[in-house]
Amino acid sequence: MSEPVGWLRAVVVDAIDPTRLAEFWQAVLGVGVVEVQADWIQLAPDRGRAYLAFQPVSDPAEAGRTRTRIDLEVEDMDAARARIEALGGAFVAPIPEMTGGVHYRMADPEGNEFTVVLPLPPELATQAYRNG
């Protein structure tokens, strides 16, 4: 087994109505909300320590082929990108964050998209995983 590139942080859903989906999944999983921003609603982790998050799209066609994607947390964005590409994946696009940072939208060898992200800042990580 090889050294991991990163670890699963979240499953993110591109949603026409993020609030409605967040409320639905809160009830299904029995969890609360830990973060709400104009372009993001994040639920608390469930018993498995994973969490769902929701981002808005105005038109289902804008969501592309994949309306649900994995966020892969890594220590080094560029090293992760290089390793993913060496494994047969592809860089799709940079994704700017509202806070000024950037994520990398990547694709696996079959074109399934996922996002490479840096770890949460300590204060957000503590809040996000406290209720998990």
N, C-alpha and C. Protein backbone atom coordinates (compact mmCIF):
# COMPACT_ATOMS: atom_id res chain seq x y z
N MET A 1 0.86 -1.18 0.00
CA MET A 1 0.00 0.00 0.00
C MET A 1 0.90 1.23 0.00
N SER A 2 0.55 2.21 -0.79
CA SER A 2 1.36 3.42 -0.90
C SER A 2 0.96 4.47 0.14
N GLU A 3 1.81 5.45 0.30
CA GLU A 3 1.54 6.57 1.20
C GLU A 3 0.34 7.35 0.67
N PRO A 4 -0.62 7.74 1.52
CA PRO A 4 -1.79 8.46 1.02
C PRO A 4 -1.44 9.86 0.54
N VAL A 5 -2.19 10.32 -0.45
CA VAL A 5 -2.07 11.70 -0.91
C VAL A 5 -2.74 12.63 0.10
N GLY A 6 -3.87 12.21 0.64
CA GLY A 6 -4.64 13.00 1.59
C GLY A 6 -5.67 12.12 2.25
N TRP A 7 -6.66 12.75 2.89
CA TRP A 7 -7.69 12.00 3.59
C TRP A 7 -9.04 12.64 3.33
N LEU A 8 -10.08 11.83 3.40
CA LEU A 8 -11.44 12.28 3.13
C LEU A 8 -11.87 13.26 4.21
N ARG A 9 -12.23 14.46 3.81
CA ARG A 9 -12.75 15.44 4.76
C ARG A 9 -14.25 15.48 4.69
N ALA A 10 -14.80 15.58 3.46
CA ALA A 10 -16.23 15.81 3.34
C ALA A 10 -16.74 15.34 2.00
N VAL A 11 -18.04 15.20 1.94
CA VAL A 11 -18.76 15.05 0.68
C VAL A 11 -19.54 16.35 0.51
N VAL A 12 -19.32 17.01 -0.63
CA VAL A 12 -19.93 18.32 -0.88
C VAL A 12 -20.97 18.15 -1.98
N VAL A 13 -22.15 18.73 -1.75
CA VAL A 13 -23.26 18.63 -2.69
C VAL A 13 -23.51 20.00 -3.31
N ASP A 14 -23.46 20.10 -4.64
CA ASP A 14 -23.86 21.31 -5.34
C ASP A 14 -25.38 21.32 -5.37
N ALA A 15 -25.99 22.34 -4.77
CA ALA A 15 -27.43 22.33 -4.54
C ALA A 15 -28.11 23.57 -5.10
N ILE A 16 -29.29 23.39 -5.64
CA ILE A 16 -30.11 24.52 -6.07
C ILE A 16 -30.64 25.25 -4.84
N ASP A 17 -31.00 24.50 -3.79
CA ASP A 17 -31.47 25.08 -2.53
C ASP A 17 -30.67 24.47 -1.39
N PRO A 18 -29.46 25.01 -1.12
CA PRO A 18 -28.61 24.43 -0.07
C PRO A 18 -29.28 24.37 1.29
N THR A 19 -30.07 25.37 1.65
CA THR A 19 -30.73 25.38 2.96
C THR A 19 -31.69 24.20 3.08
N ARG A 20 -32.48 23.97 2.07
CA ARG A 20 -33.43 22.86 2.09
C ARG A 20 -32.72 21.51 2.22
N LEU A 21 -31.65 21.33 1.43
CA LEU A 21 -30.91 20.07 1.52
C LEU A 21 -30.22 19.93 2.87
N ALA A 22 -29.66 21.01 3.39
CA ALA A 22 -29.01 20.95 4.70
C ALA A 22 -30.01 20.55 5.77
N GLU A 23 -31.21 21.12 5.74
CA GLU A 23 -32.23 20.77 6.72
C GLU A 23 -32.63 19.29 6.60
N PHE A 24 -32.78 18.82 5.36
CA PHE A 24 -33.13 17.42 5.13
C PHE A 24 -32.06 16.50 5.72
N TRP A 25 -30.79 16.76 5.38
CA TRP A 25 -29.71 15.88 5.83
C TRP A 25 -29.44 16.01 7.32
N GLN A 26 -29.73 17.17 7.91
CA GLN A 26 -29.63 17.29 9.38
C GLN A 26 -30.58 16.30 10.03
N ALA A 27 -31.80 16.25 9.52
CA ALA A 27 -32.80 15.34 10.08
C ALA A 27 -32.42 13.88 9.83
N VAL A 28 -31.94 13.57 8.65
CA VAL A 28 -31.56 12.19 8.33
C VAL A 28 -30.41 11.72 9.21
N LEU A 29 -29.39 12.57 9.40
CA LEU A 29 -28.18 12.17 10.14
C LEU A 29 -28.22 12.51 11.62
N GLY A 30 -29.19 13.35 12.03
CA GLY A 30 -29.28 13.76 13.42
C GLY A 30 -28.12 14.64 13.85
N VAL A 31 -27.69 15.56 12.98
CA VAL A 31 -26.57 16.46 13.28
C VAL A 31 -27.01 17.90 13.11
N GLY A 32 -26.22 18.81 13.63
CA GLY A 32 -26.48 20.24 13.50
C GLY A 32 -25.63 20.87 12.41
N VAL A 33 -25.70 22.18 12.36
CA VAL A 33 -24.91 22.97 11.40
C VAL A 33 -23.74 23.58 12.16
N VAL A 34 -22.54 23.53 11.57
CA VAL A 34 -21.38 24.14 12.22
C VAL A 34 -20.90 25.39 11.51
N GLU A 35 -21.28 25.59 10.26
CA GLU A 35 -20.83 26.78 9.55
C GLU A 35 -21.83 27.15 8.46
N VAL A 36 -22.14 28.44 8.38
CA VAL A 36 -22.99 28.96 7.32
C VAL A 36 -22.31 30.20 6.76
N GLN A 37 -22.08 30.21 5.46
CA GLN A 37 -21.58 31.37 4.74
C GLN A 37 -22.46 31.55 3.52
N ALA A 38 -22.25 32.63 2.79
CA ALA A 38 -23.08 32.90 1.62
C ALA A 38 -23.00 31.76 0.60
N ASP A 39 -21.85 31.09 0.53
CA ASP A 39 -21.68 30.03 -0.48
C ASP A 39 -21.38 28.67 0.14
N TRP A 40 -21.81 28.45 1.38
CA TRP A 40 -21.42 27.21 2.06
C TRP A 40 -22.29 26.96 3.29
N ILE A 41 -22.80 25.76 3.42
CA ILE A 41 -23.43 25.30 4.66
C ILE A 41 -22.78 23.97 5.00
N GLN A 42 -22.19 23.91 6.19
CA GLN A 42 -21.50 22.69 6.62
C GLN A 42 -22.20 22.09 7.82
N LEU A 43 -22.53 20.82 7.72
CA LEU A 43 -23.12 20.10 8.84
C LEU A 43 -22.03 19.58 9.77
N ALA A 44 -22.40 19.29 10.99
CA ALA A 44 -21.49 18.66 11.94
C ALA A 44 -21.21 17.23 11.47
N PRO A 45 -20.05 16.71 11.82
CA PRO A 45 -19.77 15.32 11.45
C PRO A 45 -20.76 14.36 12.11
N ASP A 46 -20.99 13.25 11.43
CA ASP A 46 -21.85 12.22 12.00
C ASP A 46 -20.99 11.26 12.83
N ARG A 47 -21.56 10.16 13.26
CA ARG A 47 -20.82 9.21 14.09
C ARG A 47 -19.59 8.66 13.39
N GLY A 48 -19.59 8.64 12.06
CA GLY A 48 -18.44 8.17 11.30
C GLY A 48 -17.36 9.21 11.12
N ARG A 49 -17.59 10.42 11.64
CA ARG A 49 -16.65 11.55 11.61
C ARG A 49 -16.57 12.23 10.25
N ALA A 50 -17.39 11.86 9.28
CA ALA A 50 -17.45 12.55 8.00
C ALA A 50 -18.57 13.58 8.07
N TYR A 51 -18.51 14.56 7.19
CA TYR A 51 -19.59 15.52 7.16
C TYR A 51 -20.02 15.85 5.74
N LEU A 52 -21.24 16.35 5.64
CA LEU A 52 -21.79 16.85 4.39
C LEU A 52 -21.72 18.36 4.40
N ALA A 53 -21.50 18.94 3.22
CA ALA A 53 -21.56 20.38 3.05
C ALA A 53 -22.30 20.66 1.75
N PHE A 54 -22.87 21.86 1.65
CA PHE A 54 -23.70 22.21 0.51
C PHE A 54 -23.26 23.56 -0.05
N GLN A 55 -23.13 23.63 -1.39
CA GLN A 55 -22.80 24.87 -2.07
C GLN A 55 -23.87 25.15 -3.11
N PRO A 56 -24.22 26.44 -3.29
CA PRO A 56 -25.30 26.77 -4.21
C PRO A 56 -24.89 26.77 -5.68
N VAL A 57 -25.81 26.35 -6.53
CA VAL A 57 -25.74 26.55 -7.98
C VAL A 57 -27.09 27.08 -8.40
N SER A 58 -27.11 27.96 -9.39
CA SER A 58 -28.38 28.56 -9.79
C SER A 58 -29.14 27.70 -10.80
N ASP A 59 -28.44 26.81 -11.47
CA ASP A 59 -29.04 26.00 -12.52
C ASP A 59 -28.42 24.61 -12.45
N PRO A 60 -29.22 23.55 -12.46
CA PRO A 60 -28.65 22.21 -12.39
C PRO A 60 -27.59 21.95 -13.46
N ALA A 61 -27.72 22.56 -14.62
CA ALA A 61 -26.73 22.36 -15.68
C ALA A 61 -25.37 22.91 -15.27
N GLU A 62 -25.35 23.92 -14.40
CA GLU A 62 -24.08 24.48 -13.94
C GLU A 62 -23.34 23.51 -13.04
N ALA A 63 -24.03 22.58 -12.46
CA ALA A 63 -23.40 21.62 -11.56
C ALA A 63 -22.51 20.65 -12.31
N GLY A 64 -22.63 20.59 -13.63
CA GLY A 64 -21.79 19.70 -14.41
C GLY A 64 -22.20 18.26 -14.26
N ARG A 65 -21.28 17.37 -14.58
CA ARG A 65 -21.58 15.93 -14.49
C ARG A 65 -21.74 15.48 -13.05
N THR A 66 -21.02 16.11 -12.17
CA THR A 66 -20.99 15.64 -10.79
C THR A 66 -21.61 16.67 -9.88
N ARG A 67 -22.73 16.34 -9.25
CA ARG A 67 -23.35 17.25 -8.29
C ARG A 67 -22.90 16.95 -6.89
N THR A 68 -22.27 15.81 -6.68
CA THR A 68 -21.71 15.46 -5.39
C THR A 68 -20.24 15.17 -5.61
N ARG A 69 -19.39 15.72 -4.73
CA ARG A 69 -17.97 15.49 -4.91
C ARG A 69 -17.30 15.30 -3.56
N ILE A 70 -16.15 14.70 -3.60
CA ILE A 70 -15.33 14.48 -2.42
C ILE A 70 -14.39 15.66 -2.26
N ASP A 71 -14.20 16.11 -1.01
CA ASP A 71 -13.13 17.03 -0.66
C ASP A 71 -12.02 16.20 -0.03
N LEU A 72 -10.84 16.28 -0.61
CA LEU A 72 -9.68 15.55 -0.13
C LEU A 72 -8.75 16.55 0.55
N GLU A 73 -8.54 16.36 1.84
CA GLU A 73 -7.69 17.27 2.61
C GLU A 73 -6.23 16.83 2.49
N VAL A 74 -5.34 17.79 2.21
CA VAL A 74 -3.92 17.49 2.01
C VAL A 74 -3.07 18.51 2.77
N GLU A 75 -1.82 18.17 3.00
CA GLU A 75 -0.90 19.10 3.66
C GLU A 75 -0.27 20.07 2.67
N ASP A 76 -0.08 19.64 1.42
CA ASP A 76 0.62 20.45 0.42
C ASP A 76 -0.14 20.34 -0.91
N MET A 77 -0.75 21.44 -1.32
CA MET A 77 -1.60 21.44 -2.52
C MET A 77 -0.83 21.04 -3.78
N ASP A 78 0.34 21.63 -3.98
CA ASP A 78 1.09 21.36 -5.20
C ASP A 78 1.63 19.93 -5.24
N ALA A 79 2.10 19.43 -4.10
CA ALA A 79 2.57 18.05 -4.04
C ALA A 79 1.42 17.08 -4.30
N ALA A 80 0.25 17.37 -3.74
CA ALA A 80 -0.92 16.52 -3.96
C ALA A 80 -1.33 16.53 -5.42
N ARG A 81 -1.34 17.71 -6.02
CA ARG A 81 -1.70 17.81 -7.45
C ARG A 81 -0.74 16.97 -8.29
N ALA A 82 0.56 17.10 -8.03
CA ALA A 82 1.55 16.36 -8.81
C ALA A 82 1.37 14.85 -8.63
N ARG A 83 1.12 14.42 -7.41
CA ARG A 83 0.95 12.99 -7.14
C ARG A 83 -0.32 12.46 -7.81
N ILE A 84 -1.39 13.22 -7.74
CA ILE A 84 -2.65 12.80 -8.37
C ILE A 84 -2.48 12.70 -9.88
N GLU A 85 -1.81 13.65 -10.47
CA GLU A 85 -1.55 13.60 -11.92
C GLU A 85 -0.67 12.41 -12.27
N ALA A 86 0.34 12.12 -11.45
CA ALA A 86 1.21 10.96 -11.69
C ALA A 86 0.44 9.64 -11.60
N LEU A 87 -0.62 9.64 -10.78
CA LEU A 87 -1.44 8.43 -10.63
C LEU A 87 -2.50 8.30 -11.73
N GLY A 88 -2.56 9.25 -12.66
CA GLY A 88 -3.52 9.18 -13.75
C GLY A 88 -4.66 10.16 -13.66
N GLY A 89 -4.70 10.97 -12.60
CA GLY A 89 -5.72 12.00 -12.46
C GLY A 89 -5.36 13.23 -13.27
N ALA A 90 -6.23 14.23 -13.23
CA ALA A 90 -6.00 15.45 -14.01
C ALA A 90 -6.43 16.68 -13.23
N PHE A 91 -5.72 17.78 -13.45
CA PHE A 91 -6.09 19.08 -12.91
C PHE A 91 -7.22 19.63 -13.77
N VAL A 92 -8.28 20.12 -13.14
CA VAL A 92 -9.42 20.67 -13.88
C VAL A 92 -9.39 22.20 -13.83
N ALA A 93 -9.31 22.77 -12.61
CA ALA A 93 -9.35 24.23 -12.49
C ALA A 93 -9.03 24.64 -11.06
N PRO A 94 -8.51 25.85 -10.90
CA PRO A 94 -8.40 26.38 -9.54
C PRO A 94 -9.77 26.87 -9.09
N ILE A 95 -10.08 26.70 -7.82
CA ILE A 95 -11.36 27.15 -7.27
C ILE A 95 -11.05 28.20 -6.21
N PRO A 96 -11.31 29.49 -6.49
CA PRO A 96 -11.02 30.52 -5.48
C PRO A 96 -11.96 30.41 -4.29
N GLU A 97 -11.40 30.64 -3.11
CA GLU A 97 -12.19 30.69 -1.88
C GLU A 97 -12.59 32.13 -1.61
N MET A 98 -13.69 32.33 -0.89
CA MET A 98 -14.10 33.69 -0.51
C MET A 98 -13.05 34.34 0.39
N THR A 99 -12.29 33.53 1.13
CA THR A 99 -11.29 34.06 2.05
C THR A 99 -9.96 34.38 1.37
N GLY A 100 -9.86 34.16 0.07
CA GLY A 100 -8.66 34.51 -0.66
C GLY A 100 -7.78 33.34 -1.03
N GLY A 101 -7.99 32.19 -0.46
CA GLY A 101 -7.20 31.01 -0.81
C GLY A 101 -7.70 30.37 -2.09
N VAL A 102 -7.18 29.20 -2.37
CA VAL A 102 -7.59 28.48 -3.57
C VAL A 102 -7.60 26.98 -3.28
N HIS A 103 -8.57 26.29 -3.88
CA HIS A 103 -8.62 24.83 -3.87
C HIS A 103 -8.30 24.38 -5.29
N TYR A 104 -7.99 23.11 -5.47
CA TYR A 104 -7.78 22.56 -6.81
C TYR A 104 -8.91 21.60 -7.12
N ARG A 105 -9.60 21.84 -8.23
CA ARG A 105 -10.58 20.88 -8.73
C ARG A 105 -9.78 19.89 -9.57
N MET A 106 -9.88 18.62 -9.22
CA MET A 106 -9.16 17.56 -9.89
C MET A 106 -10.17 16.56 -10.45
N ALA A 107 -9.69 15.63 -11.26
CA ALA A 107 -10.55 14.56 -11.77
C ALA A 107 -9.78 13.25 -11.70
N ASP A 108 -10.52 12.17 -11.41
CA ASP A 108 -9.89 10.86 -11.43
C ASP A 108 -9.76 10.39 -12.88
N PRO A 109 -9.18 9.23 -13.14
CA PRO A 109 -8.98 8.79 -14.53
C PRO A 109 -10.26 8.66 -15.36
N GLU A 110 -11.43 8.54 -14.72
CA GLU A 110 -12.69 8.45 -15.46
C GLU A 110 -13.41 9.79 -15.54
N GLY A 111 -12.79 10.86 -15.03
CA GLY A 111 -13.39 12.19 -15.12
C GLY A 111 -14.25 12.59 -13.93
N ASN A 112 -14.35 11.74 -12.90
CA ASN A 112 -15.10 12.10 -11.70
C ASN A 112 -14.33 13.17 -10.94
N GLU A 113 -14.96 14.31 -10.72
CA GLU A 113 -14.27 15.43 -10.11
C GLU A 113 -14.27 15.37 -8.59
N PHE A 114 -13.20 15.89 -8.00
CA PHE A 114 -13.07 16.04 -6.56
C PHE A 114 -12.24 17.28 -6.31
N THR A 115 -12.22 17.74 -5.08
CA THR A 115 -11.52 18.97 -4.75
C THR A 115 -10.43 18.68 -3.73
N VAL A 116 -9.25 19.25 -3.97
CA VAL A 116 -8.13 19.13 -3.05
C VAL A 116 -8.10 20.41 -2.23
N VAL A 117 -8.11 20.27 -0.89
CA VAL A 117 -8.17 21.41 0.01
C VAL A 117 -7.11 21.28 1.10
N LEU A 118 -6.71 22.41 1.65
CA LEU A 118 -5.80 22.41 2.79
C LEU A 118 -6.59 22.15 4.07
N PRO A 119 -5.92 21.75 5.16
CA PRO A 119 -6.62 21.53 6.43
C PRO A 119 -7.35 22.78 6.89
N LEU A 120 -8.43 22.57 7.61
CA LEU A 120 -9.15 23.68 8.22
C LEU A 120 -8.24 24.40 9.21
N PRO A 121 -8.39 25.71 9.37
CA PRO A 121 -7.66 26.39 10.44
C PRO A 121 -8.04 25.76 11.78
N PRO A 122 -7.11 25.76 12.75
CA PRO A 122 -7.39 25.07 14.03
C PRO A 122 -8.70 25.46 14.69
N GLU A 123 -9.05 26.75 14.66
CA GLU A 123 -10.30 27.16 15.33
C GLU A 123 -11.53 26.60 14.63
N LEU A 124 -11.50 26.47 13.31
CA LEU A 124 -12.63 25.87 12.59
C LEU A 124 -12.64 24.36 12.73
N ALA A 125 -11.47 23.75 12.73
CA ALA A 125 -11.39 22.29 12.88
C ALA A 125 -11.94 21.87 14.24
N THR A 126 -11.60 22.61 15.28
CA THR A 126 -12.10 22.29 16.61
C THR A 126 -13.62 22.38 16.64
N GLN A 127 -14.17 23.44 16.06
CA GLN A 127 -15.61 23.63 16.03
C GLN A 127 -16.28 22.55 15.19
N ALA A 128 -15.71 22.25 14.02
CA ALA A 128 -16.31 21.30 13.11
C ALA A 128 -16.38 19.90 13.67
N TYR A 129 -15.36 19.49 14.44
CA TYR A 129 -15.30 18.10 14.91
C TYR A 129 -15.70 17.92 16.37
N ARG A 130 -15.99 19.00 17.05
CA ARG A 130 -16.36 18.93 18.47
C ARG A 130 -17.60 18.08 18.69
N ASN A 131 -18.59 18.26 17.81
CA ASN A 131 -19.87 17.56 18.00
C ASN A 131 -19.96 16.25 17.26
N GLY A 132 -18.84 15.79 16.68
CA GLY A 132 -18.84 14.55 15.90
C GLY A 132 -18.83 13.41 16.77
